[in-house]
């Protein structure tokens, strides 16, 4: 990838040997060309990419929320088929169990 803007400013910071090794591994697994490239991308993404990242997370959370609503509806339909006249307490108990299992 060609550099479109010349990079003529230097940012320098020290890391421990362990941190350096972690950076090297992250570069290899992340496909970065160099530690500098990886560090630059990571630092700059916290500024310019934060809004974009929040947007992606919001979309994913909305999708998960919709899927959870769909699952809730499907479970209620299934419960209704298994027990045509469930009492409200049956639904409450089931929902409480599901919430407890989800948070465990």
C-alpha atoms as a PDB file:
ATOM      1  CA  UNK A   1       0.000   0.000   0.000  1.00  0.00           C
ATOM      2  CA  UNK A   2       1.494   3.340  -1.045  1.00  0.00           C
ATOM      3  CA  UNK A   3       1.822   6.150   1.452  1.00  0.00           C
ATOM      4  CA  UNK A   4      -0.296   9.038   0.164  1.00  0.00           C
ATOM      5  CA  UNK A   5       0.973  11.598   2.699  1.00  0.00           C
ATOM      6  CA  UNK A   6       4.629  11.808   3.657  1.00  0.00           C
ATOM      7  CA  UNK A   7       5.245  10.845   7.248  1.00  0.00           C
ATOM      8  CA  UNK A   8       7.822  13.253   8.570  1.00  0.00           C
ATOM      9  CA  UNK A   9       6.886  13.351  12.267  1.00  0.00           C
ATOM     10  CA  UNK A  10       8.245  10.865  14.783  1.00  0.00           C
ATOM     11  CA  UNK A  11       6.456   9.474  17.827  1.00  0.00           C
ATOM     12  CA  UNK A  12       8.666   7.433  20.101  1.00  0.00           C
ATOM     13  CA  UNK A  13       7.869   5.378  23.208  1.00  0.00           C
ATOM     14  CA  UNK A  14       9.558   2.610  25.135  1.00  0.00           C
ATOM     15  CA  UNK A  15       8.167  -0.860  25.801  1.00  0.00           C
ATOM     16  CA  UNK A  16       9.348  -3.786  27.873  1.00  0.00           C
ATOM     17  CA  UNK A  17      10.726  -6.910  26.237  1.00  0.00           C
ATOM     18  CA  UNK A  18       7.451  -8.711  26.956  1.00  0.00           C
ATOM     19  CA  UNK A  19       5.414  -5.859  25.444  1.00  0.00           C
ATOM     20  CA  UNK A  20       7.690  -5.879  22.388  1.00  0.00           C
ATOM     21  CA  UNK A  21       7.176  -9.612  21.903  1.00  0.00           C
ATOM     22  CA  UNK A  22       3.407  -9.131  22.250  1.00  0.00           C
ATOM     23  CA  UNK A  23       3.560  -6.392  19.603  1.00  0.00           C
ATOM     24  CA  UNK A  24       5.508  -8.669  17.254  1.00  0.00           C
ATOM     25  CA  UNK A  25       2.957 -11.453  17.694  1.00  0.00           C
ATOM     26  CA  UNK A  26       0.080  -9.033  17.143  1.00  0.00           C
ATOM     27  CA  UNK A  27       1.729  -7.787  13.952  1.00  0.00           C
ATOM     28  CA  UNK A  28       2.128 -11.296  12.615  1.00  0.00           C
ATOM     29  CA  UNK A  29      -1.402 -12.366  13.466  1.00  0.00           C
ATOM     30  CA  UNK A  30      -2.900  -9.054  12.313  1.00  0.00           C
ATOM     31  CA  UNK A  31      -1.029  -8.954   9.018  1.00  0.00           C
ATOM     32  CA  UNK A  32       0.696  -5.628   9.688  1.00  0.00           C
ATOM     33  CA  UNK A  33       3.806  -4.851   7.658  1.00  0.00           C
ATOM     34  CA  UNK A  34       5.759  -3.734  10.704  1.00  0.00           C
ATOM     35  CA  UNK A  35       5.455  -2.850  14.360  1.00  0.00           C
ATOM     36  CA  UNK A  36       5.375   0.813  13.344  1.00  0.00           C
ATOM     37  CA  UNK A  37       2.512   0.143  10.943  1.00  0.00           C
ATOM     38  CA  UNK A  38       0.629  -1.812  13.593  1.00  0.00           C
ATOM     39  CA  UNK A  39       1.192   0.778  16.341  1.00  0.00           C
ATOM     40  CA  UNK A  40       0.267   3.656  14.016  1.00  0.00           C
ATOM     41  CA  UNK A  41      -2.978   1.959  12.998  1.00  0.00           C
ATOM     42  CA  UNK A  42      -3.859   1.067  16.577  1.00  0.00           C
ATOM     43  CA  UNK A  43      -3.224   4.559  17.920  1.00  0.00           C
ATOM     44  CA  UNK A  44      -4.895   6.413  15.069  1.00  0.00           C
ATOM     45  CA  UNK A  45      -7.940   4.145  15.105  1.00  0.00           C
ATOM     46  CA  UNK A  46      -8.678   5.308  18.646  1.00  0.00           C
ATOM     47  CA  UNK A  47      -9.185   8.828  17.299  1.00  0.00           C
ATOM     48  CA  UNK A  48     -10.604   8.700  13.789  1.00  0.00           C
ATOM     49  CA  UNK A  49     -11.981   5.180  13.967  1.00  0.00           C
ATOM     50  CA  UNK A  50     -13.795   5.502  17.261  1.00  0.00           C
ATOM     51  CA  UNK A  51     -17.003   6.815  15.719  1.00  0.00           C
ATOM     52  CA  UNK A  52     -16.874   4.220  12.960  1.00  0.00           C
ATOM     53  CA  UNK A  53     -16.242   1.456  15.509  1.00  0.00           C
ATOM     54  CA  UNK A  54     -19.138   2.677  17.647  1.00  0.00           C
ATOM     55  CA  UNK A  55     -21.358   2.603  14.570  1.00  0.00           C
ATOM     56  CA  UNK A  56     -20.383  -0.988  13.809  1.00  0.00           C
ATOM     57  CA  UNK A  57     -20.910  -2.009  17.419  1.00  0.00           C
ATOM     58  CA  UNK A  58     -24.305  -0.307  17.493  1.00  0.00           C
ATOM     59  CA  UNK A  59     -25.360  -2.189  14.357  1.00  0.00           C
ATOM     60  CA  UNK A  60     -24.171  -5.486  15.832  1.00  0.00           C
ATOM     61  CA  UNK A  61     -25.928  -4.819  19.131  1.00  0.00           C
ATOM     62  CA  UNK A  62     -29.131  -3.947  17.288  1.00  0.00           C
ATOM     63  CA  UNK A  63     -28.869  -7.181  15.312  1.00  0.00           C
ATOM     64  CA  UNK A  64     -28.295  -9.197  18.489  1.00  0.00           C
ATOM     65  CA  UNK A  65     -31.217  -7.424  20.153  1.00  0.00           C
ATOM     66  CA  UNK A  66     -33.489  -8.262  17.213  1.00  0.00           C
ATOM     67  CA  UNK A  67     -32.370 -11.892  17.245  1.00  0.00           C
ATOM     68  CA  UNK A  68     -33.021 -12.104  20.981  1.00  0.00           C
ATOM     69  CA  UNK A  69     -36.523 -10.687  20.428  1.00  0.00           C
ATOM     70  CA  UNK A  70     -37.103 -13.241  17.661  1.00  0.00           C
ATOM     71  CA  UNK A  71     -35.861 -16.037  19.912  1.00  0.00           C
ATOM     72  CA  UNK A  72     -38.109 -14.860  22.747  1.00  0.00           C
ATOM     73  CA  UNK A  73     -41.094 -14.821  20.405  1.00  0.00           C
ATOM     74  CA  UNK A  74     -40.260 -18.284  19.067  1.00  0.00           C
ATOM     75  CA  UNK A  75     -39.878 -19.691  22.586  1.00  0.00           C
ATOM     76  CA  UNK A  76     -43.196 -18.204  23.644  1.00  0.00           C
ATOM     77  CA  UNK A  77     -44.861 -19.694  20.547  1.00  0.00           C
ATOM     78  CA  UNK A  78     -43.301 -23.094  21.267  1.00  0.00           C
ATOM     79  CA  UNK A  79     -44.350 -22.903  24.905  1.00  0.00           C
ATOM     80  CA  UNK A  80     -47.879 -22.014  23.790  1.00  0.00           C
ATOM     81  CA  UNK A  81     -47.975 -25.081  21.548  1.00  0.00           C
ATOM     82  CA  UNK A  82     -46.711 -27.341  24.313  1.00  0.00           C
ATOM     83  CA  UNK A  83     -49.094 -25.925  26.892  1.00  0.00           C
ATOM     84  CA  UNK A  84     -52.049 -24.189  25.188  1.00  0.00           C
ATOM     85  CA  UNK A  85     -53.055 -22.213  28.287  1.00  0.00           C
ATOM     86  CA  UNK A  86     -49.888 -21.464  30.263  1.00  0.00           C
ATOM     87  CA  UNK A  87     -50.310 -19.351  33.325  1.00  0.00           C
ATOM     88  CA  UNK A  88     -48.380 -16.069  33.431  1.00  0.00           C
ATOM     89  CA  UNK A  89     -46.294 -17.518  36.223  1.00  0.00           C
ATOM     90  CA  UNK A  90     -45.076 -20.308  33.888  1.00  0.00           C
ATOM     91  CA  UNK A  91     -43.768 -17.735  31.430  1.00  0.00           C
ATOM     92  CA  UNK A  92     -42.206 -15.732  34.236  1.00  0.00           C
ATOM     93  CA  UNK A  93     -40.435 -18.789  35.652  1.00  0.00           C
ATOM     94  CA  UNK A  94     -39.135 -19.761  32.214  1.00  0.00           C
ATOM     95  CA  UNK A  95     -37.925 -16.238  31.520  1.00  0.00           C
ATOM     96  CA  UNK A  96     -36.224 -16.064  34.916  1.00  0.00           C
ATOM     97  CA  UNK A  97     -34.430 -19.372  34.245  1.00  0.00           C
ATOM     98  CA  UNK A  98     -33.288 -18.140  30.816  1.00  0.00           C
ATOM     99  CA  UNK A  99     -31.971 -14.895  32.287  1.00  0.00           C
ATOM    100  CA  UNK A 100     -30.164 -16.757  35.049  1.00  0.00           C
ATOM    101  CA  UNK A 101     -28.525 -19.140  32.554  1.00  0.00           C
ATOM    102  CA  UNK A 102     -27.580 -16.259  30.248  1.00  0.00           C
ATOM    103  CA  UNK A 103     -25.804 -14.354  33.016  1.00  0.00           C
ATOM    104  CA  UNK A 104     -24.023 -17.430  34.418  1.00  0.00           C
END
